[in-house]
Amino acid sequence: MAENSLEDVFAVLRRRPDVEAPNLQAWDATDRLLLDAAAGMTPAGGTLAVIGDRYGALTLGALEVLEPAAVRVHQDLITGERALRLNADLWAARDGNDGGAARVPAFEQLPLGRGLLADADVLLLQLPKTLAELEEIAAAVARHAPAGITVLAGGRVKHMSLGMNAVLERYFQSVQPQLARQKSRIIVATGPRVSPEPDRFPVVEHLAELDLYVAAHGAVFAGAKLDIGTRYLLTFLPAMKAARHAIDLGCGTGILAAMYARHSPGSAVTATDQSAAAVASATATARANGLEARITVLQDDALSTVEPGSADLVLLNPPFHVGAGVHAGAGLKMIEAAGRVLAPEGELWTVFNRHLPYLPALQRHVGPTAVEGQNPKFLVTRSIKRNVG
């Protein structure tokens, strides 16, 4: 057991580059419960896989208190990947300040697949929000992990369901829910069932109302369906300008990018999202509709790698959750990013729930904003980038 405690690790964790606020923290009771359970199940010098580590609590905690030979990590969100690396640097600096030699914790960040799972003894899993995402993860474990792997899947009790047990039971011979502690619970799954069926992800469905094929991996918002905010924003497609470069910010499955590319065949279109599953889904959607040469798909955090002033049009259906809680911070960050990448006189079209406080932010970060449409649930706005010069 390492000299540093789990509390020491948690104390240095931050969420950046994700949204930070006094009521948002970088770890929860499930992280602690998973690490406590793993202490009795991880063989000395074993290989540990981690899926769903939000900001590094599981990875850095495991390296300190379990001391495995190797830790391999998969995080869907690029913000989580970056936060883990930043927090590893913080932890290394803290070790150095305590009189020891600073050392950057060793872990490997990998996509969901064989490289992550092939020789893992134990998997620590923060249970995802959707059953589809859990199924894609469970299927990958059953396909790629060794027969002796132990899966510790944890979550907050209020977000867990019997459906999660049912999904795991399809892919594992033994699924044992454990007693809850501090409103978190662990499910222990062993004996992966090897399925002869091919991987069903991404799911591809034809949306008749758009005459569009939509591809969706398990973690992507709304699956292969058309969410109601996107549906409403698409009714304004005829009013949108023909742009030299258009961006679908927070693209999800890439429906907005694909429909705009059809509407404006002379435009270069970028679909971007912080989620690896969304990026893979949007790539598959573009390919399924013969638009792969027209749409560039990019995993990024709030357009951090996109040149300022390089876009003429941004389409945005922002999230209104941060993790499991309602919070406007993610949407506000995306609005600010849109204002940065828009060229003068460029347009931002946004659809959002009426109760969200986005209008002042649109005015401040982009420019003059008009409500182009509203219904009982949503507003659609057009903001025009100020010509500062």
Protein backbone atom coordinates (compact mmCIF):
# COMPACT_ATOMS: atom_id res chain seq x y z
CA MET A 1 0.00 0.00 0.00
CA ALA A 2 1.38 3.41 -0.94
CA GLU A 3 2.31 5.98 1.67
CA ASN A 4 -0.04 8.61 0.23
CA SER A 5 -3.72 8.24 1.08
CA LEU A 6 -6.73 8.31 -1.19
CA GLU A 7 -7.84 11.52 0.49
CA ASP A 8 -4.55 13.14 -0.54
CA VAL A 9 -5.20 12.19 -4.17
CA PHE A 10 -8.77 13.47 -4.14
CA ALA A 11 -7.70 16.73 -2.53
CA VAL A 12 -5.64 17.82 -5.54
CA LEU A 13 -8.14 16.90 -8.25
CA ARG A 14 -9.70 19.60 -10.41
CA ARG A 15 -12.18 19.42 -13.27
CA ARG A 16 -10.52 21.79 -15.76
CA PRO A 17 -10.71 22.06 -18.72
CA ASP A 18 -14.31 21.03 -17.99
CA VAL A 19 -16.70 23.41 -16.25
CA GLU A 20 -15.65 24.28 -12.70
CA ALA A 21 -18.06 25.65 -10.08
CA PRO A 22 -18.38 25.53 -6.28
CA ASN A 23 -21.12 22.88 -6.50
CA LEU A 24 -19.18 20.65 -8.92
CA GLN A 25 -16.35 18.40 -7.72
CA ALA A 26 -13.91 16.12 -9.50
CA TRP A 27 -14.70 12.89 -7.62
CA ASP A 28 -17.64 11.24 -5.89
CA ALA A 29 -18.42 8.48 -3.40
CA THR A 30 -18.53 5.92 -6.21
CA ASP A 31 -14.85 6.53 -7.00
CA ARG A 32 -13.96 5.82 -3.37
CA LEU A 33 -16.18 2.72 -3.21
CA LEU A 34 -14.72 1.28 -6.41
CA LEU A 35 -11.16 1.77 -5.19
CA ASP A 36 -11.94 0.25 -1.79
CA ALA A 37 -13.47 -2.81 -3.47
CA ALA A 38 -10.58 -3.13 -5.91
CA ALA A 39 -8.09 -3.23 -3.03
CA GLY A 40 -9.21 -6.76 -2.20
CA MET A 41 -9.52 -7.99 -5.78
CA THR A 42 -6.54 -6.60 -7.72
CA PRO A 43 -3.58 -9.02 -7.80
CA ALA A 44 -0.16 -7.64 -6.91
CA GLY A 45 1.49 -6.37 -10.05
CA GLY A 46 -1.71 -6.90 -12.03
CA THR A 47 -3.11 -4.99 -14.98
CA LEU A 48 -5.98 -2.62 -14.33
CA ALA A 49 -8.39 -1.21 -16.90
CA VAL A 50 -10.47 1.88 -16.13
CA ILE A 51 -13.51 3.07 -18.08
CA GLY A 52 -15.48 6.24 -17.40
CA ASP A 53 -12.97 7.96 -15.11
CA ARG A 54 -14.29 11.50 -15.24
CA TYR A 55 -11.27 13.52 -14.10
CA GLY A 56 -8.68 11.01 -12.87
CA ALA A 57 -9.92 9.97 -9.43
CA LEU A 58 -10.00 6.27 -10.32
CA THR A 59 -6.76 6.22 -12.32
CA LEU A 60 -4.62 8.26 -9.96
CA GLY A 61 -6.24 6.71 -6.88
CA ALA A 62 -5.53 3.21 -8.20
CA LEU A 63 -1.91 4.04 -8.94
CA GLU A 64 -1.43 5.27 -5.37
CA VAL A 65 -3.35 2.72 -3.30
CA LEU A 66 -3.38 -0.40 -5.50
CA GLU A 67 0.04 -0.08 -7.19
CA PRO A 68 -0.75 -2.16 -10.28
CA ALA A 69 1.88 -2.92 -12.88
CA ALA A 70 -0.13 -1.20 -15.61
CA VAL A 71 -3.19 1.04 -15.81
CA ARG A 72 -5.06 1.51 -19.09
CA VAL A 73 -7.80 4.08 -19.30
CA HIS A 74 -10.68 4.83 -21.65
CA GLN A 75 -12.56 8.13 -21.31
CA ASP A 76 -15.20 9.10 -23.84
CA LEU A 77 -14.83 12.85 -23.28
CA ILE A 78 -11.72 14.72 -24.37
CA THR A 79 -12.20 16.98 -21.34
CA GLY A 80 -11.79 13.93 -19.12
CA GLU A 81 -8.65 12.85 -20.96
CA ARG A 82 -7.12 16.30 -20.58
CA ALA A 83 -8.22 16.65 -16.95
CA LEU A 84 -6.56 13.33 -16.10
CA ARG A 85 -3.26 14.48 -17.61
CA LEU A 86 -3.45 17.85 -15.86
CA ASN A 87 -4.29 16.23 -12.51
CA ALA A 88 -1.44 13.73 -12.96
CA ASP A 89 0.91 16.69 -13.31
CA LEU A 90 -0.59 18.28 -10.19
CA TRP A 91 -0.11 15.06 -8.24
CA ALA A 92 3.47 14.73 -9.44
CA ALA A 93 4.20 18.31 -8.37
CA ARG A 94 2.66 17.65 -4.96
CA ASP A 95 4.91 14.61 -4.45
CA GLY A 96 7.92 16.77 -5.28
CA ASN A 97 6.81 19.50 -2.87
CA ASP A 98 6.52 16.90 -0.09
CA GLY A 99 10.24 16.27 -0.32
CA GLY A 100 10.21 13.34 -2.71
CA ALA A 101 11.22 13.23 -6.32
CA ALA A 102 8.38 14.43 -8.53
CA ARG A 103 7.10 11.59 -10.71
CA VAL A 104 4.32 11.67 -13.26
CA PRO A 105 1.94 8.74 -12.63
CA ALA A 106 2.19 6.17 -15.44
CA PHE A 107 -1.00 5.25 -17.30
CA GLU A 108 -2.02 4.73 -20.91
CA GLN A 109 -5.12 6.33 -22.49
CA LEU A 110 -6.71 4.08 -25.12
CA PRO A 111 -9.92 3.70 -27.13
CA LEU A 112 -12.49 1.11 -26.13
CA GLY A 113 -11.20 -2.16 -27.59
CA ARG A 114 -8.58 -4.89 -27.46
CA GLY A 115 -5.64 -2.71 -26.48
CA LEU A 116 -7.50 -1.53 -23.39
CA LEU A 117 -8.88 -4.89 -22.27
CA ALA A 118 -6.82 -7.79 -23.67
CA ASP A 119 -4.87 -8.71 -20.52
CA ALA A 120 -6.74 -6.81 -17.80
CA ASP A 121 -7.18 -8.54 -14.43
CA VAL A 122 -9.69 -6.01 -13.09
CA LEU A 123 -11.89 -3.39 -14.75
CA LEU A 124 -13.10 -0.35 -12.79
CA LEU A 125 -16.18 1.08 -14.46
CA GLN A 126 -18.13 4.20 -13.61
CA LEU A 127 -21.55 3.14 -14.87
CA PRO A 128 -22.66 5.24 -17.86
CA LYS A 129 -25.93 7.12 -18.11
CA THR A 130 -27.51 4.99 -20.83
CA LEU A 131 -28.11 1.27 -21.24
CA ALA A 132 -26.87 1.49 -24.83
CA GLU A 133 -23.47 2.75 -23.68
CA LEU A 134 -23.30 0.05 -21.00
CA GLU A 135 -24.12 -2.59 -23.62
CA GLU A 136 -21.35 -1.38 -25.92
CA ILE A 137 -18.86 -1.49 -23.03
CA ALA A 138 -20.03 -4.91 -21.79
CA ALA A 139 -19.86 -6.34 -25.32
CA ALA A 140 -16.30 -5.02 -25.72
CA VAL A 141 -15.25 -6.60 -22.42
CA ALA A 142 -16.80 -9.95 -23.37
CA ARG A 143 -15.10 -9.82 -26.79
CA HIS A 144 -11.62 -8.66 -25.78
CA ALA A 145 -10.96 -9.29 -22.06
CA PRO A 146 -9.53 -12.52 -20.58
CA ALA A 147 -11.90 -15.08 -19.07
CA GLY A 148 -10.69 -14.33 -15.55
CA ILE A 149 -11.40 -10.60 -15.52
CA THR A 150 -13.35 -9.10 -12.63
CA VAL A 151 -15.55 -6.14 -13.50
CA LEU A 152 -16.41 -3.68 -10.72
CA ALA A 153 -19.18 -1.44 -12.04
CA GLY A 154 -20.22 1.38 -9.74
CA GLY A 155 -22.68 4.23 -9.71
CA ARG A 156 -24.86 6.47 -7.60
CA VAL A 157 -27.89 4.46 -6.45
CA LYS A 158 -30.35 7.08 -7.75
CA HIS A 159 -28.95 6.68 -11.28
CA MET A 160 -28.84 2.86 -11.27
CA SER A 161 -31.59 0.60 -12.58
CA LEU A 162 -32.47 -3.08 -12.86
CA GLY A 163 -31.96 -2.65 -16.59
CA MET A 164 -28.22 -2.30 -15.92
CA ASN A 165 -28.21 -5.71 -14.21
CA ALA A 166 -30.08 -7.17 -17.18
CA VAL A 167 -27.53 -5.79 -19.67
CA LEU A 168 -24.61 -7.18 -17.67
CA GLU A 169 -26.32 -10.56 -17.32
CA ARG A 170 -26.39 -10.89 -21.11
CA TYR A 171 -22.59 -10.60 -21.23
CA PHE A 172 -21.41 -12.15 -17.92
CA GLN A 173 -22.11 -15.48 -16.21
CA SER A 174 -22.19 -13.96 -12.72
CA VAL A 175 -23.61 -10.52 -11.83
CA GLN A 176 -23.70 -9.73 -8.11
CA PRO A 177 -24.97 -6.35 -6.80
CA GLN A 178 -23.28 -5.34 -3.54
CA LEU A 179 -24.61 -3.45 -0.55
CA ALA A 180 -24.87 0.31 -0.99
CA ARG A 181 -22.58 2.72 0.85
CA GLN A 182 -22.93 6.51 0.95
CA LYS A 183 -25.64 6.29 -1.74
CA SER A 184 -23.33 4.43 -4.14
CA ARG A 185 -23.38 0.78 -5.13
CA ILE A 186 -21.10 -1.67 -6.94
CA ILE A 187 -22.06 -4.57 -9.19
CA VAL A 188 -19.43 -7.33 -9.50
CA ALA A 189 -19.50 -9.13 -12.86
CA THR A 190 -17.33 -12.14 -13.75
CA GLY A 191 -17.21 -14.84 -16.43
CA PRO A 192 -17.58 -12.92 -19.70
CA ARG A 193 -19.81 -14.67 -22.24
CA VAL A 194 -18.19 -14.73 -25.67
CA SER A 195 -20.84 -13.93 -28.26
CA PRO A 196 -20.60 -15.17 -31.87
CA GLU A 197 -22.65 -12.18 -33.00
CA PRO A 198 -20.85 -9.26 -34.68
CA ASP A 199 -20.55 -5.90 -32.97
CA ARG A 200 -23.87 -4.08 -33.49
CA PHE A 201 -22.43 -0.60 -32.88
CA PRO A 202 -22.80 1.87 -34.37
CA VAL A 203 -26.53 1.34 -34.77
CA VAL A 204 -27.72 2.81 -38.09
CA GLU A 205 -31.33 3.88 -38.62
CA HIS A 206 -33.10 5.68 -41.46
CA LEU A 207 -35.02 8.79 -40.37
CA ALA A 208 -37.85 8.96 -42.87
CA GLU A 209 -38.80 12.54 -42.01
CA LEU A 210 -35.32 13.71 -43.05
CA ASP A 211 -34.52 10.91 -45.51
CA LEU A 212 -31.24 10.57 -43.60
CA TYR A 213 -29.33 7.58 -42.26
CA VAL A 214 -28.14 8.22 -38.70
CA ALA A 215 -25.40 6.19 -36.99
CA ALA A 216 -25.04 6.08 -33.20
CA HIS A 217 -22.60 4.54 -30.77
CA GLY A 218 -23.89 3.77 -27.29
CA ALA A 219 -22.66 6.91 -25.52
CA VAL A 220 -24.09 9.45 -27.95
CA PHE A 221 -27.02 11.67 -26.95
CA ALA A 222 -30.46 10.58 -28.28
CA GLY A 223 -29.04 7.49 -29.99
CA ALA A 224 -29.99 7.18 -33.65
CA LYS A 225 -33.14 9.24 -33.13
CA LEU A 226 -33.87 12.90 -33.88
CA ASP A 227 -34.03 14.92 -30.67
CA ILE A 228 -36.72 17.56 -30.50
CA GLY A 229 -34.34 20.52 -30.23
CA THR A 230 -32.51 19.53 -33.39
CA ARG A 231 -35.82 18.92 -35.15
CA TYR A 232 -36.95 22.47 -34.33
CA LEU A 233 -33.65 24.08 -35.37
CA LEU A 234 -33.78 22.26 -38.71
CA THR A 235 -37.04 24.03 -39.59
CA PHE A 236 -34.93 27.22 -39.90
CA LEU A 237 -32.46 25.66 -42.34
CA PRO A 238 -33.85 27.64 -45.33
CA ALA A 239 -33.06 30.91 -43.52
CA MET A 240 -29.43 30.03 -42.82
CA LYS A 241 -26.69 31.60 -44.92
CA ALA A 242 -24.59 29.68 -47.43
CA ALA A 243 -21.27 29.63 -45.57
CA ARG A 244 -17.75 29.12 -46.79
CA HIS A 245 -17.11 27.17 -43.55
CA ALA A 246 -19.92 25.97 -41.27
CA ILE A 247 -19.49 24.23 -37.90
CA ASP A 248 -21.87 21.86 -36.13
CA LEU A 249 -20.71 22.46 -32.54
CA GLY A 250 -21.56 19.62 -30.17
CA CYS A 251 -22.48 17.52 -33.19
CA GLY A 252 -23.64 14.30 -31.52
CA THR A 253 -24.57 11.93 -34.35
CA GLY A 254 -23.94 14.67 -36.92
CA ILE A 255 -27.53 15.27 -38.04
CA LEU A 256 -27.15 19.06 -38.22
CA ALA A 257 -23.87 18.77 -40.11
CA ALA A 258 -25.33 16.33 -42.62
CA MET A 259 -28.52 18.30 -43.22
CA TYR A 260 -26.64 21.59 -43.60
CA ALA A 261 -24.16 19.96 -46.02
CA ARG A 262 -27.11 18.87 -48.15
CA HIS A 263 -28.69 22.33 -47.93
CA SER A 264 -25.50 24.18 -48.84
CA PRO A 265 -23.45 21.96 -51.17
CA GLY A 266 -20.76 24.63 -51.67
CA SER A 267 -19.90 24.82 -47.95
CA ALA A 268 -17.13 23.04 -46.09
CA VAL A 269 -18.66 21.61 -42.91
CA THR A 270 -16.94 20.67 -39.65
CA ALA A 271 -18.74 18.47 -37.12
CA THR A 272 -17.11 18.61 -33.70
CA ASP A 273 -17.81 17.16 -30.26
CA GLN A 274 -15.90 16.43 -27.07
CA SER A 275 -17.19 12.83 -27.09
CA ALA A 276 -15.24 10.11 -28.90
CA ALA A 277 -18.51 8.19 -29.37
CA ALA A 278 -20.13 11.25 -30.95
CA VAL A 279 -17.18 11.78 -33.29
CA ALA A 280 -17.30 8.12 -34.39
CA SER A 281 -21.08 8.39 -34.83
CA ALA A 282 -20.92 11.61 -36.88
CA THR A 283 -18.19 10.08 -39.05
CA ALA A 284 -20.40 7.05 -39.70
CA THR A 285 -23.45 9.25 -40.36
CA ALA A 286 -21.55 11.27 -42.97
CA ARG A 287 -20.33 8.06 -44.63
CA ALA A 288 -23.81 6.47 -44.62
CA ASN A 289 -25.18 9.45 -46.53
CA GLY A 290 -22.31 9.86 -49.00
CA LEU A 291 -21.16 13.09 -47.34
CA GLU A 292 -17.75 12.01 -46.04
CA ALA A 293 -15.92 14.21 -48.55
CA ARG A 294 -17.92 17.26 -47.45
CA ILE A 295 -17.82 16.88 -43.66
CA THR A 296 -14.70 16.94 -41.48
CA VAL A 297 -15.24 15.41 -38.04
CA LEU A 298 -13.12 16.61 -35.11
CA GLN A 299 -12.91 15.64 -31.43
CA ASP A 300 -12.24 18.84 -29.52
CA ASP A 301 -13.22 20.76 -26.41
CA ALA A 302 -15.17 23.91 -27.29
CA LEU A 303 -13.31 24.47 -30.57
CA SER A 304 -9.96 24.83 -28.79
CA THR A 305 -8.00 23.81 -31.92
CA VAL A 306 -10.07 25.81 -34.44
CA GLU A 307 -8.60 29.10 -35.71
CA PRO A 308 -10.31 32.30 -34.50
CA GLY A 309 -12.43 33.96 -37.17
CA SER A 310 -12.35 30.91 -39.45
CA ALA A 311 -16.08 30.10 -39.62
CA ASP A 312 -19.00 31.92 -41.22
CA LEU A 313 -21.74 29.87 -39.55
CA VAL A 314 -22.05 27.86 -36.33
CA LEU A 315 -25.02 25.63 -35.50
CA LEU A 316 -25.47 24.85 -31.81
CA ASN A 317 -27.87 22.70 -29.80
CA PRO A 318 -26.05 22.95 -26.46
CA PRO A 319 -26.36 20.52 -23.55
CA PHE A 320 -28.03 21.66 -20.36
CA HIS A 321 -26.40 19.05 -18.11
CA VAL A 322 -22.92 18.76 -16.64
CA GLY A 323 -22.60 15.11 -15.70
CA ALA A 324 -25.88 14.14 -14.05
CA GLY A 325 -26.86 17.63 -12.89
CA VAL A 326 -28.61 20.49 -14.65
CA HIS A 327 -26.05 23.24 -15.23
CA ALA A 328 -25.77 25.93 -17.91
CA GLY A 329 -21.97 26.07 -17.77
CA ALA A 330 -21.31 23.74 -20.70
CA GLY A 331 -23.60 25.71 -23.00
CA LEU A 332 -22.08 29.02 -21.95
CA LYS A 333 -18.61 27.68 -22.72
CA MET A 334 -19.76 26.65 -26.20
CA ILE A 335 -21.35 30.03 -26.88
CA GLU A 336 -18.09 31.75 -25.96
CA ALA A 337 -16.21 29.36 -28.27
CA ALA A 338 -18.59 30.09 -31.14
CA GLY A 339 -18.00 33.82 -30.72
CA ARG A 340 -14.24 33.25 -30.93
CA VAL A 341 -14.25 31.20 -34.15
CA LEU A 342 -16.83 33.24 -36.07
CA ALA A 343 -15.62 35.75 -38.63
CA PRO A 344 -17.13 39.26 -38.57
CA GLU A 345 -20.76 39.11 -39.76
CA GLY A 346 -20.74 35.35 -39.20
CA GLU A 347 -23.87 33.81 -37.71
CA LEU A 348 -24.54 31.57 -34.72
CA TRP A 349 -27.86 29.72 -34.80
CA THR A 350 -28.77 28.26 -31.41
CA VAL A 351 -31.70 26.23 -30.08
CA PHE A 352 -32.13 25.95 -26.32
CA ASN A 353 -34.68 25.39 -23.58
CA ARG A 354 -36.56 28.59 -22.83
CA HIS A 355 -35.60 28.62 -19.13
CA LEU A 356 -31.84 28.70 -19.79
CA PRO A 357 -30.08 32.09 -19.37
CA TYR A 358 -28.30 32.14 -22.74
CA LEU A 359 -29.58 35.36 -24.32
CA PRO A 360 -27.23 37.71 -22.38
CA ALA A 361 -24.28 35.41 -23.13
CA LEU A 362 -25.12 35.36 -26.84
CA GLN A 363 -25.21 39.15 -26.90
CA ARG A 364 -21.97 39.43 -24.95
CA HIS A 365 -19.81 36.77 -26.64
CA VAL A 366 -21.15 36.93 -30.20
CA GLY A 367 -23.18 40.04 -30.91
CA PRO A 368 -26.71 41.26 -31.70
CA THR A 369 -29.11 38.39 -31.13
CA ALA A 370 -32.67 37.98 -32.40
CA VAL A 371 -35.22 35.34 -31.44
CA GLU A 372 -36.10 33.76 -34.78
CA GLY A 373 -38.67 31.35 -33.39
CA GLN A 374 -40.13 29.91 -30.22
CA ASN A 375 -42.47 27.18 -29.13
CA PRO A 376 -43.59 26.07 -25.65
CA LYS A 377 -40.21 24.38 -25.00
CA PHE A 378 -37.49 26.03 -27.11
CA LEU A 379 -36.11 29.30 -28.42
CA VAL A 380 -34.20 29.52 -31.69
CA THR A 381 -31.88 32.53 -31.95
CA ARG A 382 -29.60 34.04 -34.57
CA SER A 383 -26.57 35.97 -33.33
CA ILE A 384 -24.38 38.03 -35.69
CA LYS A 385 -20.70 38.40 -34.87
CA ARG A 386 -19.71 42.01 -34.29
CA ASN A 387 -17.18 43.51 -36.64
CA VAL A 388 -14.83 44.73 -33.90
CA GLY A 389 -12.33 46.30 -36.25
